[in-house]
């Protein structure tokens, strides 16, 4: 097995729970997930199966789309309704115009402070494990990008946002920061991930597969998910060389810093990289080497 699964994660289970369920079914084939969802959250969870687990970093780099609901007038240690909720005394009730103006200010590149109850690691320990034990958790702010943010619904104390953002963005923390600017607090009450790149919830599957063959039928070709860069098609002879870890020569006009390659049948065969990047492109061919081989 080789490919990705578009799984629709239900609420109140962890991303690892979903992986374990699939792993028990297909046993010896390795399974991993890209882009953790909190137990509260639902929606698209991409699982990598077999050698596709070596493509995780490419999934992580894809933009994410969410539909999130937030409750004004409260703060929480976990930044959502599953934590210890604290009401804001005399919290102001913002108008829709005020809320829209504040939300619009979060579009673009910015620094975000991750929540202490997160899966980020500090000296090999999960931040949430340290936080639960009452330890002092210090996480560095991270640069994120909000590509699109729209207020969909507002009926105090709840508002709903549609957000497309970079990998590494915490929706809980986005709600927290909006609440701070409003001076009213805000905690996340629901979250649905609607897409990772072009992997959308409308085509997602329940994790409750009945048989291994059902998993195989649901597998997505990596090239259906990873659409950039466009793959180059190699000959059988070139594929054979790559299978031994050897470098090959290709036309210079095909060379970029990283390339996906297929065999003559269109199967994803390798990720390639120039042995020595040439910026002038004067030579007719360029030597490239495999950094990942999936044959």
Protein backbone atom coordinates (compact mmCIF):
# COMPACT_ATOMS: atom_id res chain seq x y z
CA UNK A 1 0.00 0.00 0.00
CA UNK A 2 1.23 3.47 -0.90
CA UNK A 3 -0.81 6.66 -0.70
CA UNK A 4 -2.89 8.97 1.47
CA UNK A 5 -6.25 8.53 3.19
CA UNK A 6 -8.66 11.44 3.52
CA UNK A 7 -10.27 10.64 6.87
CA UNK A 8 -13.13 12.55 8.50
CA UNK A 9 -12.13 12.60 12.17
CA UNK A 10 -15.05 12.49 14.60
CA UNK A 11 -15.15 14.55 17.79
CA UNK A 12 -13.79 13.33 21.13
CA UNK A 13 -11.09 11.06 19.71
CA UNK A 14 -7.43 11.90 19.18
CA UNK A 15 -5.63 11.87 15.84
CA UNK A 16 -3.53 8.98 17.21
CA UNK A 17 -6.74 7.03 17.96
CA UNK A 18 -7.65 7.27 14.27
CA UNK A 19 -4.19 6.13 13.19
CA UNK A 20 -4.33 3.18 15.58
CA UNK A 21 -7.73 2.10 14.25
CA UNK A 22 -6.41 1.96 10.67
CA UNK A 23 -3.12 0.39 11.80
CA UNK A 24 -4.94 -2.48 13.51
CA UNK A 25 -6.78 -3.22 10.28
CA UNK A 26 -3.84 -3.17 7.86
CA UNK A 27 -1.36 -4.46 10.48
CA UNK A 28 2.16 -4.63 9.02
CA UNK A 29 1.80 -1.52 6.80
CA UNK A 30 3.05 1.66 8.45
CA UNK A 31 0.47 4.44 9.05
CA UNK A 32 1.01 8.03 10.19
CA UNK A 33 -0.94 11.27 10.27
CA UNK A 34 -0.16 14.78 9.10
CA UNK A 35 -1.57 17.80 10.89
CA UNK A 36 -2.84 16.90 14.36
CA UNK A 37 -6.44 17.73 15.25
CA UNK A 38 -7.44 18.32 18.88
CA UNK A 39 -9.96 15.83 20.34
CA UNK A 40 -12.60 18.60 20.20
CA UNK A 41 -12.04 19.13 16.47
CA UNK A 42 -13.56 17.22 13.55
CA UNK A 43 -12.88 17.08 9.84
CA UNK A 44 -10.07 16.31 7.43
CA UNK A 45 -7.21 14.23 8.81
CA UNK A 46 -4.73 13.04 6.18
CA UNK A 47 -3.17 9.66 6.91
CA UNK A 48 -0.07 8.47 5.09
CA UNK A 49 0.12 4.74 4.36
CA UNK A 50 3.22 2.71 3.58
CA UNK A 51 6.15 4.58 2.05
CA UNK A 52 3.93 7.67 1.76
CA UNK A 53 4.83 8.30 5.43
CA UNK A 54 8.10 9.64 4.00
CA UNK A 55 6.09 12.44 2.36
CA UNK A 56 4.67 13.84 5.61
CA UNK A 57 6.66 17.09 5.46
CA UNK A 58 5.03 17.91 2.13
CA UNK A 59 1.54 17.48 3.63
CA UNK A 60 2.49 19.65 6.60
CA UNK A 61 3.43 22.46 4.21
CA UNK A 62 -0.04 22.62 2.60
CA UNK A 63 -2.48 25.38 3.67
CA UNK A 64 -5.34 24.39 5.95
CA UNK A 65 -8.99 25.54 5.84
CA UNK A 66 -11.18 25.64 8.96
CA UNK A 67 -14.65 26.52 10.17
CA UNK A 68 -14.37 27.51 13.82
CA UNK A 69 -16.89 28.63 16.44
CA UNK A 70 -15.87 30.79 19.41
CA UNK A 71 -17.60 31.92 22.60
CA UNK A 72 -17.04 35.47 23.81
CA UNK A 73 -16.91 36.50 27.45
CA UNK A 74 -14.59 33.74 28.67
CA UNK A 75 -10.97 32.67 28.82
CA UNK A 76 -9.66 29.13 29.30
CA UNK A 77 -6.31 27.57 30.17
CA UNK A 78 -6.63 25.33 27.09
CA UNK A 79 -8.12 28.18 25.00
CA UNK A 80 -11.21 26.06 24.30
CA UNK A 81 -14.34 24.96 26.18
CA UNK A 82 -12.68 21.75 27.35
CA UNK A 83 -10.39 23.64 29.73
CA UNK A 84 -10.96 25.54 32.93
CA UNK A 85 -13.34 28.32 31.89
CA UNK A 86 -13.10 31.75 33.52
CA UNK A 87 -15.80 34.39 32.82
CA UNK A 88 -14.72 37.95 32.04
CA UNK A 89 -16.51 40.25 34.50
CA UNK A 90 -18.50 42.96 32.70
CA UNK A 91 -17.18 41.80 29.34
CA UNK A 92 -18.15 44.24 26.57
CA UNK A 93 -20.54 42.97 23.91
CA UNK A 94 -18.98 43.97 20.58
CA UNK A 95 -21.11 45.06 17.64
CA UNK A 96 -20.86 43.07 14.43
CA UNK A 97 -18.99 45.99 12.85
CA UNK A 98 -16.45 46.02 15.69
CA UNK A 99 -16.00 42.25 15.51
CA UNK A 100 -15.52 42.33 11.72
CA UNK A 101 -12.94 45.11 11.99
CA UNK A 102 -10.90 43.24 14.60
CA UNK A 103 -11.10 39.98 12.64
CA UNK A 104 -9.96 41.67 9.42
CA UNK A 105 -6.80 42.82 11.19
CA UNK A 106 -5.66 39.21 11.56
CA UNK A 107 -5.23 38.65 7.82
CA UNK A 108 -1.64 38.24 6.62
CA UNK A 109 1.69 37.29 8.18
CA UNK A 110 1.96 37.58 11.96
CA UNK A 111 3.54 36.16 15.10
CA UNK A 112 1.36 33.77 17.10
CA UNK A 113 1.98 32.49 20.62
CA UNK A 114 1.12 28.74 20.66
CA UNK A 115 -1.09 27.42 23.46
CA UNK A 116 0.67 25.74 26.38
CA UNK A 117 -1.72 22.80 26.00
CA UNK A 118 -0.31 21.71 22.65
CA UNK A 119 1.68 18.82 21.18
CA UNK A 120 4.77 20.99 20.69
CA UNK A 121 7.85 19.57 22.36
CA UNK A 122 10.12 21.15 24.98
CA UNK A 123 13.33 19.14 25.45
CA UNK A 124 11.57 16.04 24.18
CA UNK A 125 8.44 16.47 26.33
CA UNK A 126 4.99 17.42 25.03
CA UNK A 127 3.95 20.86 26.21
CA UNK A 128 0.54 19.59 27.32
CA UNK A 129 2.16 16.95 29.55
CA UNK A 130 4.23 19.62 31.30
CA UNK A 131 1.22 21.97 31.59
CA UNK A 132 -0.94 19.26 33.18
CA UNK A 133 1.76 18.73 35.83
CA UNK A 134 1.76 22.43 36.65
CA UNK A 135 5.18 23.06 35.13
CA UNK A 136 6.12 26.44 33.70
CA UNK A 137 5.73 26.11 29.92
CA UNK A 138 7.60 28.59 27.73
CA UNK A 139 6.90 28.33 24.00
CA UNK A 140 8.40 30.67 21.44
CA UNK A 141 6.03 32.64 19.17
CA UNK A 142 5.81 31.30 15.61
CA UNK A 143 5.31 33.08 12.33
CA UNK A 144 2.04 32.14 10.66
CA UNK A 145 0.02 33.43 7.74
CA UNK A 146 -3.74 33.88 7.56
CA UNK A 147 -4.57 33.74 3.85
CA UNK A 148 -8.29 34.35 4.33
CA UNK A 149 -10.48 35.08 7.35
CA UNK A 150 -14.23 35.76 7.16
CA UNK A 151 -16.89 36.23 9.82
CA UNK A 152 -19.66 33.83 8.83
CA UNK A 153 -22.11 34.09 11.74
CA UNK A 154 -22.48 36.24 14.86
CA UNK A 155 -25.08 35.84 17.57
CA UNK A 156 -23.60 36.88 20.90
CA UNK A 157 -21.83 35.21 22.62
CA UNK A 158 -20.95 32.99 19.64
CA UNK A 159 -19.24 33.86 16.37
CA UNK A 160 -18.15 31.61 13.52
CA UNK A 161 -15.07 32.09 11.35
CA UNK A 162 -13.99 30.61 8.04
CA UNK A 163 -10.19 30.62 7.88
CA UNK A 164 -7.54 29.52 5.41
CA UNK A 165 -4.11 29.58 7.01
CA UNK A 166 -0.57 28.29 6.92
CA UNK A 167 0.53 25.12 8.63
CA UNK A 168 1.32 25.65 12.30
CA UNK A 169 -1.58 28.03 12.94
CA UNK A 170 -3.56 27.35 16.12
CA UNK A 171 -7.22 28.23 15.71
CA UNK A 172 -7.66 28.22 19.50
CA UNK A 173 -4.97 30.87 19.76
CA UNK A 174 -6.49 32.89 16.94
CA UNK A 175 -9.76 33.04 18.91
CA UNK A 176 -7.83 33.92 22.08
CA UNK A 177 -6.10 36.85 20.35
CA UNK A 178 -9.34 38.13 18.82
CA UNK A 179 -10.90 38.02 22.30
CA UNK A 180 -7.97 39.98 23.73
CA UNK A 181 -8.38 42.76 21.18
CA UNK A 182 -12.09 42.91 21.95
CA UNK A 183 -11.28 42.94 25.69
CA UNK A 184 -13.96 40.31 26.10
CA UNK A 185 -12.04 37.05 25.93
CA UNK A 186 -12.93 34.20 23.57
CA UNK A 187 -12.64 30.42 23.71
CA UNK A 188 -13.06 27.93 20.88
CA UNK A 189 -16.23 25.86 21.18
CA UNK A 190 -16.13 23.88 17.90
CA UNK A 191 -13.74 23.35 15.01
CA UNK A 192 -14.01 21.58 11.68
CA UNK A 193 -11.05 21.28 9.34
CA UNK A 194 -12.56 21.53 5.88
CA UNK A 195 -9.47 21.03 3.75
CA UNK A 196 -5.73 20.39 3.64
CA UNK A 197 -4.59 21.72 0.30
CA UNK A 198 -6.99 20.17 -2.20
CA UNK A 199 -7.99 17.32 0.12
CA UNK A 200 -11.53 18.31 1.07
CA UNK A 201 -14.05 17.13 3.62
CA UNK A 202 -16.65 16.43 0.92
CA UNK A 203 -14.52 13.47 -0.27
CA UNK A 204 -13.48 12.24 3.20
CA UNK A 205 -14.08 8.76 4.61
CA UNK A 206 -15.13 7.49 8.02
CA UNK A 207 -12.24 5.73 9.81
CA UNK A 208 -14.50 2.72 10.33
CA UNK A 209 -13.32 0.63 7.37
CA UNK A 210 -14.63 -2.92 7.32
CA UNK A 211 -11.76 -4.56 5.43
CA UNK A 212 -8.24 -3.97 4.14
CA UNK A 213 -9.62 -3.81 0.59
CA UNK A 214 -11.77 -0.82 1.62
CA UNK A 215 -8.65 1.01 2.76
CA UNK A 216 -6.92 0.21 -0.54
CA UNK A 217 -9.91 1.51 -2.50
CA UNK A 218 -9.86 4.78 -0.54
CA UNK A 219 -6.14 5.47 -1.04
CA UNK A 220 -5.24 8.64 -2.91
CA UNK A 221 -2.26 8.70 -5.24
CA UNK A 222 0.30 11.10 -3.68
CA UNK A 223 0.27 13.09 -6.93
CA UNK A 224 -3.45 13.79 -6.40
CA UNK A 225 -2.57 15.47 -3.12
CA UNK A 226 0.86 16.97 -3.80
CA UNK A 227 0.27 18.98 -6.95
CA UNK A 228 3.41 21.14 -6.75
CA UNK A 229 5.92 20.72 -8.29
CA UNK A 230 4.58 19.14 -11.46
CA UNK A 231 6.17 15.68 -11.90
CA UNK A 232 8.61 14.77 -14.62
CA UNK A 233 8.25 11.42 -16.41
CA UNK A 234 11.35 9.21 -16.50
CA UNK A 235 12.27 6.24 -18.66
CA UNK A 236 12.46 2.68 -17.33
CA UNK A 237 16.26 2.90 -17.56
CA UNK A 238 16.34 6.07 -15.48
CA UNK A 239 14.02 4.54 -12.88
CA UNK A 240 16.31 1.50 -12.65
CA UNK A 241 19.29 3.75 -11.95
CA UNK A 242 17.39 5.58 -9.22
CA UNK A 243 16.42 2.27 -7.59
CA UNK A 244 20.13 1.70 -6.90
CA UNK A 245 20.51 5.22 -5.49
CA UNK A 246 22.42 6.41 -8.54
CA UNK A 247 22.24 9.86 -10.09
CA UNK A 248 20.87 10.45 -13.57
CA UNK A 249 21.03 13.26 -16.14
CA UNK A 250 17.99 15.18 -17.33
CA UNK A 251 17.43 18.24 -19.50
CA UNK A 252 18.35 21.45 -17.69
CA UNK A 253 15.01 23.10 -18.42
CA UNK A 254 13.33 20.47 -16.20
CA UNK A 255 15.55 21.10 -13.20
CA UNK A 256 14.37 22.83 -10.01
CA UNK A 257 15.49 22.66 -6.38
CA UNK A 258 13.17 19.70 -5.78
CA UNK A 259 11.40 17.50 -8.33
CA UNK A 260 8.76 14.78 -8.25
CA UNK A 261 9.27 11.97 -10.74
CA UNK A 262 7.05 9.26 -12.22
CA UNK A 263 7.81 6.10 -14.16
CA UNK A 264 6.45 5.64 -17.72
CA UNK A 265 3.18 4.30 -16.26
CA UNK A 266 2.64 7.53 -14.29
CA UNK A 267 3.41 6.06 -10.85
CA UNK A 268 5.08 8.33 -8.31
CA UNK A 269 8.59 6.92 -8.13
CA UNK A 270 10.93 9.43 -6.47
CA UNK A 271 11.77 12.87 -5.17
CA UNK A 272 14.85 14.25 -6.89
CA UNK A 273 17.34 17.02 -6.22
CA UNK A 274 20.15 18.50 -8.33
CA UNK A 275 23.58 17.22 -7.38
CA UNK A 276 24.86 20.73 -7.94
CA UNK A 277 22.36 23.50 -8.62
CA UNK A 278 23.29 25.43 -11.75
CA UNK A 279 21.92 28.94 -11.92
CA UNK A 280 23.17 29.79 -15.39
CA UNK A 281 21.64 26.64 -17.03
CA UNK A 282 24.21 26.72 -19.79
CA UNK A 283 24.79 22.98 -19.95
CA UNK A 284 22.39 20.77 -21.96
CA UNK A 285 21.84 18.37 -19.06
CA UNK A 286 21.96 18.45 -15.28
CA UNK A 287 22.85 15.59 -12.94
CA UNK A 288 20.19 14.87 -10.29
CA UNK A 289 19.99 12.37 -7.44
CA UNK A 290 17.14 10.65 -5.56
CA UNK A 291 16.50 11.90 -2.02
CA UNK A 292 13.41 9.68 -1.66
CA UNK A 293 12.70 6.52 -3.71
CA UNK A 294 9.31 4.80 -3.55
CA UNK A 295 9.70 1.94 -6.01
